[in-house]
Amino acid sequence: MNKFSVLLLPLALLNAWTMFRFRQDKKRAEADARRIPEAHLLTLALIGGSPGALLARHLFRHKTRKEPFSTRLRLIAILHAGLIATYSANLF
């Protein structure tokens, strides 16, 4: 088992959790209940949940126009894409 495959399960679980929290926040917003802080959602994205965050935004139509949240989430996704590209380039 290589290093990459060891990371897949934790990353999959983190992204599932991120999507769940976005959905939970959307439901809370609709119910006018206490919300999940944006800092919490962005932290989940930053630690590896950016694919789940972007997918959840699209699926649940949640926080799609919210600024500066949208810009920060995009920057996190760009950072992750850069890290993946750099790591992938070093593999070959």
PDB file of N, CA and C in Angstrom:
ATOM      1  N   MET A   1       0.859  -1.185   0.000  1.00  0.00           N
ATOM      2  CA  MET A   1       0.000   0.000   0.000  1.00  0.00           C
ATOM      3  C   MET A   1       0.900   1.243   0.000  1.00  0.00           C
ATOM      4  N   ASN A   2       0.710   2.124  -0.991  1.00  0.00           N
ATOM      5  CA  ASN A   2       1.557   3.313  -1.060  1.00  0.00           C
ATOM      6  C   ASN A   2       0.990   4.462  -0.230  1.00  0.00           C
ATOM      7  N   LYS A   3       1.774   5.540  -0.130  1.00  0.00           N
ATOM      8  CA  LYS A   3       1.380   6.692   0.690  1.00  0.00           C
ATOM      9  C   LYS A   3       0.068   7.315   0.208  1.00  0.00           C
ATOM     10  N   PHE A   4      -0.102   7.358  -1.100  1.00  0.00           N
ATOM     11  CA  PHE A   4      -1.300   7.981  -1.660  1.00  0.00           C
ATOM     12  C   PHE A   4      -2.568   7.242  -1.255  1.00  0.00           C
ATOM     13  N   SER A   5      -2.555   5.924  -1.333  1.00  0.00           N
ATOM     14  CA  SER A   5      -3.756   5.160  -1.010  1.00  0.00           C
ATOM     15  C   SER A   5      -4.088   5.229   0.480  1.00  0.00           C
ATOM     16  N   VAL A   6      -3.082   5.441   1.320  1.00  0.00           N
ATOM     17  CA  VAL A   6      -3.318   5.579   2.765  1.00  0.00           C
ATOM     18  C   VAL A   6      -4.098   6.867   3.054  1.00  0.00           C
ATOM     19  N   LEU A   7      -3.931   7.870   2.204  1.00  0.00           N
ATOM     20  CA  LEU A   7      -4.623   9.154   2.398  1.00  0.00           C
ATOM     21  C   LEU A   7      -6.051   9.163   1.846  1.00  0.00           C
ATOM     22  N   LEU A   8      -6.355   8.243   0.958  1.00  0.00           N
ATOM     23  CA  LEU A   8      -7.655   8.287   0.286  1.00  0.00           C
ATOM     24  C   LEU A   8      -8.851   8.159   1.231  1.00  0.00           C
ATOM     25  N   LEU A   9      -8.836   7.191   2.121  1.00  0.00           N
ATOM     26  CA  LEU A   9      -9.979   7.001   3.023  1.00  0.00           C
ATOM     27  C   LEU A   9     -10.184   8.201   3.947  1.00  0.00           C
ATOM     28  N   PRO A  10      -9.136   8.688   4.627  1.00  0.00           N
ATOM     29  CA  PRO A  10      -9.354   9.870   5.468  1.00  0.00           C
ATOM     30  C   PRO A  10      -9.841  11.084   4.678  1.00  0.00           C
ATOM     31  N   LEU A  11      -9.313  11.284   3.471  1.00  0.00           N
ATOM     32  CA  LEU A  11      -9.767  12.415   2.653  1.00  0.00           C
ATOM     33  C   LEU A  11     -11.216  12.239   2.211  1.00  0.00           C
ATOM     34  N   ALA A  12     -11.587  11.023   1.874  1.00  0.00           N
ATOM     35  CA  ALA A  12     -12.978  10.759   1.493  1.00  0.00           C
ATOM     36  C   ALA A  12     -13.920  11.032   2.667  1.00  0.00           C
ATOM     37  N   LEU A  13     -13.528  10.588   3.851  1.00  0.00           N
ATOM     38  CA  LEU A  13     -14.351  10.825   5.044  1.00  0.00           C
ATOM     39  C   LEU A  13     -14.427  12.314   5.374  1.00  0.00           C
ATOM     40  N   LEU A  14     -13.306  13.014   5.261  1.00  0.00           N
ATOM     41  CA  LEU A  14     -13.294  14.454   5.522  1.00  0.00           C
ATOM     42  C   LEU A  14     -14.208  15.186   4.545  1.00  0.00           C
ATOM     43  N   ASN A  15     -14.163  14.822   3.277  1.00  0.00           N
ATOM     44  CA  ASN A  15     -15.012  15.484   2.288  1.00  0.00           C
ATOM     45  C   ASN A  15     -16.480  15.155   2.488  1.00  0.00           C
ATOM     46  N   ALA A  16     -16.782  13.933   2.905  1.00  0.00           N
ATOM     47  CA  ALA A  16     -18.170  13.579   3.227  1.00  0.00           C
ATOM     48  C   ALA A  16     -18.658  14.393   4.425  1.00  0.00           C
ATOM     49  N   TRP A  17     -17.806  14.531   5.440  1.00  0.00           N
ATOM     50  CA  TRP A  17     -18.156  15.327   6.623  1.00  0.00           C
ATOM     51  C   TRP A  17     -18.359  16.798   6.242  1.00  0.00           C
ATOM     52  N   THR A  18     -17.505  17.316   5.374  1.00  0.00           N
ATOM     53  CA  THR A  18     -17.627  18.708   4.918  1.00  0.00           C
ATOM     54  C   THR A  18     -18.950  18.914   4.207  1.00  0.00           C
ATOM     55  N   MET A  19     -19.313  17.985   3.329  1.00  0.00           N
ATOM     56  CA  MET A  19     -20.588  18.100   2.627  1.00  0.00           C
ATOM     57  C   MET A  19     -21.760  18.038   3.614  1.00  0.00           C
ATOM     58  N   PHE A  20     -21.659  17.144   4.582  1.00  0.00           N
ATOM     59  CA  PHE A  20     -22.702  17.036   5.602  1.00  0.00           C
ATOM     60  C   PHE A  20     -22.861  18.345   6.357  1.00  0.00           C
ATOM     61  N   ARG A  21     -21.748  18.988   6.729  1.00  0.00           N
ATOM     62  CA  ARG A  21     -21.824  20.242   7.483  1.00  0.00           C
ATOM     63  C   ARG A  21     -22.405  21.378   6.637  1.00  0.00           C
ATOM     64  N   PHE A  22     -22.070  21.411   5.341  1.00  0.00           N
ATOM     65  CA  PHE A  22     -22.668  22.418   4.459  1.00  0.00           C
ATOM     66  C   PHE A  22     -24.181  22.202   4.363  1.00  0.00           C
ATOM     67  N   ARG A  23     -24.579  20.943   4.214  1.00  0.00           N
ATOM     68  CA  ARG A  23     -26.015  20.638   4.132  1.00  0.00           C
ATOM     69  C   ARG A  23     -26.713  21.008   5.444  1.00  0.00           C
ATOM     70  N   GLN A  24     -26.077  20.696   6.539  1.00  0.00           N
ATOM     71  CA  GLN A  24     -26.619  21.016   7.857  1.00  0.00           C
ATOM     72  C   GLN A  24     -26.784  22.532   8.002  1.00  0.00           C
ATOM     73  N   ASP A  25     -25.796  23.295   7.557  1.00  0.00           N
ATOM     74  CA  ASP A  25     -25.883  24.750   7.646  1.00  0.00           C
ATOM     75  C   ASP A  25     -27.005  25.279   6.761  1.00  0.00           C
ATOM     76  N   LYS A  26     -27.169  24.707   5.587  1.00  0.00           N
ATOM     77  CA  LYS A  26     -28.257  25.112   4.696  1.00  0.00           C
ATOM     78  C   LYS A  26     -29.617  24.865   5.364  1.00  0.00           C
ATOM     79  N   LYS A  27     -29.779  23.696   5.961  1.00  0.00           N
ATOM     80  CA  LYS A  27     -31.038  23.379   6.642  1.00  0.00           C
ATOM     81  C   LYS A  27     -31.281  24.325   7.813  1.00  0.00           C
ATOM     82  N   ARG A  28     -30.213  24.634   8.544  1.00  0.00           N
ATOM     83  CA  ARG A  28     -30.352  25.572   9.668  1.00  0.00           C
ATOM     84  C   ARG A  28     -30.738  26.963   9.173  1.00  0.00           C
ATOM     85  N   ALA A  29     -30.167  27.377   8.050  1.00  0.00           N
ATOM     86  CA  ALA A  29     -30.508  28.688   7.482  1.00  0.00           C
ATOM     87  C   ALA A  29     -31.986  28.726   7.101  1.00  0.00           C
ATOM     88  N   GLU A  30     -32.464  27.653   6.492  1.00  0.00           N
ATOM     89  CA  GLU A  30     -33.877  27.594   6.097  1.00  0.00           C
ATOM     90  C   GLU A  30     -34.806  27.602   7.301  1.00  0.00           C
ATOM     91  N   ALA A  31     -34.342  27.010   8.406  1.00  0.00           N
ATOM     92  CA  ALA A  31     -35.162  26.938   9.616  1.00  0.00           C
ATOM     93  C   ALA A  31     -34.954  28.147  10.532  1.00  0.00           C
ATOM     94  N   ASP A  32     -34.125  29.075  10.095  1.00  0.00           N
ATOM     95  CA  ASP A  32     -33.784  30.255  10.893  1.00  0.00           C
ATOM     96  C   ASP A  32     -33.238  29.848  12.264  1.00  0.00           C
ATOM     97  N   ALA A  33     -32.417  28.811  12.264  1.00  0.00           N
ATOM     98  CA  ALA A  33     -31.801  28.287  13.489  1.00  0.00           C
ATOM     99  C   ALA A  33     -30.342  28.748  13.571  1.00  0.00           C
ATOM    100  N   ARG A  34     -29.694  28.375  14.660  1.00  0.00           N
ATOM    101  CA  ARG A  34     -28.288  28.741  14.868  1.00  0.00           C
ATOM    102  C   ARG A  34     -27.425  28.116  13.777  1.00  0.00           C
ATOM    103  N   ARG A  35     -26.598  28.936  13.143  1.00  0.00           N
ATOM    104  CA  ARG A  35     -25.814  28.527  11.988  1.00  0.00           C
ATOM    105  C   ARG A  35     -24.448  27.990  12.377  1.00  0.00           C
ATOM    106  N   ILE A  36     -23.844  27.267  11.448  1.00  0.00           N
ATOM    107  CA  ILE A  36     -22.467  26.806  11.588  1.00  0.00           C
ATOM    108  C   ILE A  36     -21.575  27.966  11.157  1.00  0.00           C
ATOM    109  N   PRO A  37     -20.607  28.351  11.971  1.00  0.00           N
ATOM    110  CA  PRO A  37     -19.764  29.497  11.608  1.00  0.00           C
ATOM    111  C   PRO A  37     -19.032  29.276  10.277  1.00  0.00           C
ATOM    112  N   GLU A  38     -18.924  30.345   9.497  1.00  0.00           N
ATOM    113  CA  GLU A  38     -18.205  30.263   8.232  1.00  0.00           C
ATOM    114  C   GLU A  38     -16.766  29.819   8.452  1.00  0.00           C
ATOM    115  N   ALA A  39     -16.161  30.242   9.544  1.00  0.00           N
ATOM    116  CA  ALA A  39     -14.778  29.852   9.838  1.00  0.00           C
ATOM    117  C   ALA A  39     -14.659  28.333   9.963  1.00  0.00           C
ATOM    118  N   HIS A  40     -15.667  27.696  10.517  1.00  0.00           N
ATOM    119  CA  HIS A  40     -15.665  26.234  10.648  1.00  0.00           C
ATOM    120  C   HIS A  40     -15.730  25.576   9.263  1.00  0.00           C
ATOM    121  N   LEU A  41     -16.615  26.077   8.412  1.00  0.00           N
ATOM    122  CA  LEU A  41     -16.754  25.524   7.070  1.00  0.00           C
ATOM    123  C   LEU A  41     -15.476  25.728   6.256  1.00  0.00           C
ATOM    124  N   LEU A  42     -14.870  26.901   6.375  1.00  0.00           N
ATOM    125  CA  LEU A  42     -13.628  27.168   5.649  1.00  0.00           C
ATOM    126  C   LEU A  42     -12.470  26.340   6.202  1.00  0.00           C
ATOM    127  N   THR A  43     -12.460  26.089   7.492  1.00  0.00           N
ATOM    128  CA  THR A  43     -11.416  25.251   8.082  1.00  0.00           C
ATOM    129  C   THR A  43     -11.522  23.828   7.550  1.00  0.00           C
ATOM    130  N   LEU A  44     -12.736  23.310   7.447  1.00  0.00           N
ATOM    131  CA  LEU A  44     -12.923  21.976   6.869  1.00  0.00           C
ATOM    132  C   LEU A  44     -12.386  21.938   5.439  1.00  0.00           C
ATOM    133  N   ALA A  45     -12.653  22.984   4.681  1.00  0.00           N
ATOM    134  CA  ALA A  45     -12.139  23.053   3.311  1.00  0.00           C
ATOM    135  C   ALA A  45     -10.613  23.117   3.313  1.00  0.00           C
ATOM    136  N   LEU A  46     -10.055  23.924   4.187  1.00  0.00           N
ATOM    137  CA  LEU A  46      -8.605  24.117   4.227  1.00  0.00           C
ATOM    138  C   LEU A  46      -7.844  22.846   4.581  1.00  0.00           C
ATOM    139  N   ILE A  47      -8.388  22.035   5.461  1.00  0.00           N
ATOM    140  CA  ILE A  47      -7.658  20.835   5.886  1.00  0.00           C
ATOM    141  C   ILE A  47      -7.841  19.662   4.910  1.00  0.00           C
ATOM    142  N   GLY A  48      -8.485  19.933   3.773  1.00  0.00           N
ATOM    143  CA  GLY A  48      -8.591  18.902   2.743  1.00  0.00           C
ATOM    144  C   GLY A  48      -9.979  18.674   2.202  1.00  0.00           C
ATOM    145  N   GLY A  49     -10.956  19.391   2.726  1.00  0.00           N
ATOM    146  CA  GLY A  49     -12.335  19.179   2.306  1.00  0.00           C
ATOM    147  C   GLY A  49     -12.821  20.113   1.217  1.00  0.00           C
ATOM    148  N   SER A  50     -11.899  20.741   0.490  1.00  0.00           N
ATOM    149  CA  SER A  50     -12.346  21.688  -0.539  1.00  0.00           C
ATOM    150  C   SER A  50     -13.168  21.039  -1.656  1.00  0.00           C
ATOM    151  N   PRO A  51     -12.846  19.818  -2.122  1.00  0.00           N
ATOM    152  CA  PRO A  51     -13.730  19.224  -3.133  1.00  0.00           C
ATOM    153  C   PRO A  51     -15.151  19.020  -2.606  1.00  0.00           C
ATOM    154  N   GLY A  52     -15.278  18.556  -1.371  1.00  0.00           N
ATOM    155  CA  GLY A  52     -16.595  18.371  -0.773  1.00  0.00           C
ATOM    156  C   GLY A  52     -17.324  19.687  -0.582  1.00  0.00           C
ATOM    157  N   ALA A  53     -16.585  20.727  -0.210  1.00  0.00           N
ATOM    158  CA  ALA A  53     -17.188  22.047  -0.018  1.00  0.00           C
ATOM    159  C   ALA A  53     -17.715  22.598  -1.337  1.00  0.00           C
ATOM    160  N   LEU A  54     -16.914  22.488  -2.388  1.00  0.00           N
ATOM    161  CA  LEU A  54     -17.347  22.996  -3.690  1.00  0.00           C
ATOM    162  C   LEU A  54     -18.535  22.201  -4.228  1.00  0.00           C
ATOM    163  N   LEU A  55     -18.497  20.890  -4.059  1.00  0.00           N
ATOM    164  CA  LEU A  55     -19.608  20.051  -4.509  1.00  0.00           C
ATOM    165  C   LEU A  55     -20.881  20.353  -3.718  1.00  0.00           C
ATOM    166  N   ALA A  56     -20.743  20.517  -2.402  1.00  0.00           N
ATOM    167  CA  ALA A  56     -21.898  20.825  -1.554  1.00  0.00           C
ATOM    168  C   ALA A  56     -22.510  22.172  -1.931  1.00  0.00           C
ATOM    169  N   ARG A  57     -21.664  23.158  -2.190  1.00  0.00           N
ATOM    170  CA  ARG A  57     -22.187  24.471  -2.608  1.00  0.00           C
ATOM    171  C   ARG A  57     -23.046  24.326  -3.853  1.00  0.00           C
ATOM    172  N   HIS A  58     -22.575  23.527  -4.786  1.00  0.00           N
ATOM    173  CA  HIS A  58     -23.320  23.335  -6.032  1.00  0.00           C
ATOM    174  C   HIS A  58     -24.604  22.526  -5.805  1.00  0.00           C
ATOM    175  N   LEU A  59     -24.489  21.409  -5.111  1.00  0.00           N
ATOM    176  CA  LEU A  59     -25.643  20.530  -4.908  1.00  0.00           C
ATOM    177  C   LEU A  59     -26.741  21.173  -4.070  1.00  0.00           C
ATOM    178  N   PHE A  60     -26.348  21.855  -3.009  1.00  0.00           N
ATOM    179  CA  PHE A  60     -27.322  22.420  -2.069  1.00  0.00           C
ATOM    180  C   PHE A  60     -27.618  23.890  -2.343  1.00  0.00           C
ATOM    181  N   ARG A  61     -26.936  24.458  -3.346  1.00  0.00           N
ATOM    182  CA  ARG A  61     -27.089  25.886  -3.667  1.00  0.00           C
ATOM    183  C   ARG A  61     -26.963  26.728  -2.401  1.00  0.00           C
ATOM    184  N   HIS A  62     -25.837  26.526  -1.734  1.00  0.00           N
ATOM    185  CA  HIS A  62     -25.619  27.176  -0.446  1.00  0.00           C
ATOM    186  C   HIS A  62     -24.323  27.974  -0.461  1.00  0.00           C
ATOM    187  N   LYS A  63     -24.411  29.208  -0.055  1.00  0.00           N
ATOM    188  CA  LYS A  63     -23.278  30.128   0.029  1.00  0.00           C
ATOM    189  C   LYS A  63     -22.612  30.349  -1.327  1.00  0.00           C
ATOM    190  N   THR A  64     -23.408  30.388  -2.369  1.00  0.00           N
ATOM    191  CA  THR A  64     -22.859  30.562  -3.706  1.00  0.00           C
ATOM    192  C   THR A  64     -22.555  32.026  -4.028  1.00  0.00           C
ATOM    193  N   ARG A  65     -23.234  32.947  -3.374  1.00  0.00           N
ATOM    194  CA  ARG A  65     -23.006  34.374  -3.641  1.00  0.00           C
ATOM    195  C   ARG A  65     -22.454  35.113  -2.428  1.00  0.00           C
ATOM    196  N   LYS A  66     -22.175  34.400  -1.387  1.00  0.00           N
ATOM    197  CA  LYS A  66     -21.717  35.000  -0.130  1.00  0.00           C
ATOM    198  C   LYS A  66     -20.251  35.404  -0.250  1.00  0.00           C
ATOM    199  N   GLU A  67     -19.969  36.692  -0.051  1.00  0.00           N
ATOM    200  CA  GLU A  67     -18.591  37.192  -0.053  1.00  0.00           C
ATOM    201  C   GLU A  67     -18.249  37.692   1.338  1.00  0.00           C
ATOM    202  N   PRO A  68     -17.040  37.546   1.801  1.00  0.00           N
ATOM    203  CA  PRO A  68     -15.855  37.043   1.107  1.00  0.00           C
ATOM    204  C   PRO A  68     -15.703  35.520   1.173  1.00  0.00           C
ATOM    205  N   PHE A  69     -16.729  34.822   1.670  1.00  0.00           N
ATOM    206  CA  PHE A  69     -16.667  33.370   1.794  1.00  0.00           C
ATOM    207  C   PHE A  69     -16.321  32.696   0.465  1.00  0.00           C
ATOM    208  N   SER A  70     -16.995  33.080  -0.612  1.00  0.00           N
ATOM    209  CA  SER A  70     -16.773  32.453  -1.919  1.00  0.00           C
ATOM    210  C   SER A  70     -15.337  32.628  -2.391  1.00  0.00           C
ATOM    211  N   THR A  71     -14.805  33.820  -2.236  1.00  0.00           N
ATOM    212  CA  THR A  71     -13.423  34.080  -2.648  1.00  0.00           C
ATOM    213  C   THR A  71     -12.449  33.263  -1.815  1.00  0.00           C
ATOM    214  N   ARG A  72     -12.675  33.201  -0.535  1.00  0.00           N
ATOM    215  CA  ARG A  72     -11.781  32.430   0.331  1.00  0.00           C
ATOM    216  C   ARG A  72     -11.824  30.942  -0.016  1.00  0.00           C
ATOM    217  N   LEU A  73     -13.005  30.425  -0.290  1.00  0.00           N
ATOM    218  CA  LEU A  73     -13.122  29.018  -0.658  1.00  0.00           C
ATOM    219  C   LEU A  73     -12.418  28.741  -1.983  1.00  0.00           C
ATOM    220  N   ARG A  74     -12.565  29.649  -2.943  1.00  0.00           N
ATOM    221  CA  ARG A  74     -11.867  29.487  -4.226  1.00  0.00           C
ATOM    222  C   ARG A  74     -10.347  29.510  -4.036  1.00  0.00           C
ATOM    223  N   LEU A  75      -9.853  30.404  -3.194  1.00  0.00           N
ATOM    224  CA  LEU A  75      -8.406  30.468  -2.932  1.00  0.00           C
ATOM    225  C   LEU A  75      -7.896  29.176  -2.290  1.00  0.00           C
ATOM    226  N   ILE A  76      -8.678  28.619  -1.388  1.00  0.00           N
ATOM    227  CA  ILE A  76      -8.300  27.337  -0.768  1.00  0.00           C
ATOM    228  C   ILE A  76      -8.245  26.249  -1.830  1.00  0.00           C
ATOM    229  N   ALA A  77      -9.232  26.208  -2.721  1.00  0.00           N
ATOM    230  CA  ALA A  77      -9.255  25.202  -3.777  1.00  0.00           C
ATOM    231  C   ALA A  77      -8.060  25.373  -4.725  1.00  0.00           C
ATOM    232  N   ILE A  78      -7.715  26.606  -5.035  1.00  0.00           N
ATOM    233  CA  ILE A  78      -6.549  26.869  -5.892  1.00  0.00           C
ATOM    234  C   ILE A  78      -5.267  26.418  -5.194  1.00  0.00           C
ATOM    235  N   LEU A  79      -5.160  26.696  -3.910  1.00  0.00           N
ATOM    236  CA  LEU A  79      -4.005  26.245  -3.130  1.00  0.00           C
ATOM    237  C   LEU A  79      -3.888  24.726  -3.192  1.00  0.00           C
ATOM    238  N   HIS A  80      -4.996  24.034  -2.979  1.00  0.00           N
ATOM    239  CA  HIS A  80      -4.984  22.566  -3.026  1.00  0.00           C
ATOM    240  C   HIS A  80      -4.616  22.053  -4.415  1.00  0.00           C
ATOM    241  N   ALA A  81      -5.131  22.685  -5.448  1.00  0.00           N
ATOM    242  CA  ALA A  81      -4.796  22.273  -6.815  1.00  0.00           C
ATOM    243  C   ALA A  81      -3.300  22.439  -7.064  1.00  0.00           C
ATOM    244  N   GLY A  82      -2.735  23.530  -6.578  1.00  0.00           N
ATOM    245  CA  GLY A  82      -1.296  23.755  -6.717  1.00  0.00           C
ATOM    246  C   GLY A  82      -0.483  22.715  -5.977  1.00  0.00           C
ATOM    247  N   LEU A  83      -0.919  22.380  -4.772  1.00  0.00           N
ATOM    248  CA  LEU A  83      -0.207  21.351  -3.999  1.00  0.00           C
ATOM    249  C   LEU A  83      -0.276  19.992  -4.689  1.00  0.00           C
ATOM    250  N   ILE A  84      -1.434  19.661  -5.225  1.00  0.00           N
ATOM    251  CA  ILE A  84      -1.587  18.389  -5.932  1.00  0.00           C
ATOM    252  C   ILE A  84      -0.705  18.369  -7.181  1.00  0.00           C
ATOM    253  N   ALA A  85      -0.697  19.474  -7.923  1.00  0.00           N
ATOM    254  CA  ALA A  85       0.124  19.545  -9.141  1.00  0.00           C
ATOM    255  C   ALA A  85       1.601  19.419  -8.793  1.00  0.00           C
ATOM    256  N   THR A  86       2.034  20.077  -7.722  1.00  0.00           N
ATOM    257  CA  THR A  86       3.431  20.005  -7.319  1.00  0.00           C
ATOM    258  C   THR A  86       3.788  18.596  -6.853  1.00  0.00           C
ATOM    259  N   TYR A  87       2.932  18.007  -6.060  1.00  0.00           N
ATOM    260  CA  TYR A  87       3.185  16.648  -5.561  1.00  0.00           C
ATOM    261  C   TYR A  87       3.199  15.658  -6.719  1.00  0.00           C
ATOM    262  N   SER A  88       2.255  15.807  -7.638  1.00  0.00           N
ATOM    263  CA  SER A  88       2.180  14.891  -8.783  1.00  0.00           C
ATOM    264  C   SER A  88       3.417  15.016  -9.668  1.00  0.00           C
ATOM    265  N   ALA A  89       3.893  16.238  -9.868  1.00  0.00           N
ATOM    266  CA  ALA A  89       5.083  16.463 -10.699  1.00  0.00           C
ATOM    267  C   ALA A  89       6.311  15.808 -10.083  1.00  0.00           C
ATOM    268  N   ASN A  90       6.366  15.765  -8.762  1.00  0.00           N
ATOM    269  CA  ASN A  90       7.508  15.168  -8.085  1.00  0.00           C
ATOM    270  C   ASN A  90       7.463  13.647  -8.090  1.00  0.00           C
ATOM    271  N   LEU A  91       6.335  13.068  -8.424  1.00  0.00           N
ATOM    272  CA  LEU A  91       6.226  11.610  -8.483  1.00  0.00           C
ATOM    273  C   LEU A  91       6.904  11.043  -9.723  1.00  0.00           C
ATOM    274  N   PHE A  92       6.975  11.862 -10.787  1.00  0.00           N
ATOM    275  CA  PHE A  92       7.497  11.350 -12.060  1.00  0.00           C
ATOM    276  C   PHE A  92       8.828  11.931 -12.401  1.00  0.00           C
TER     277      PHE A  92
END
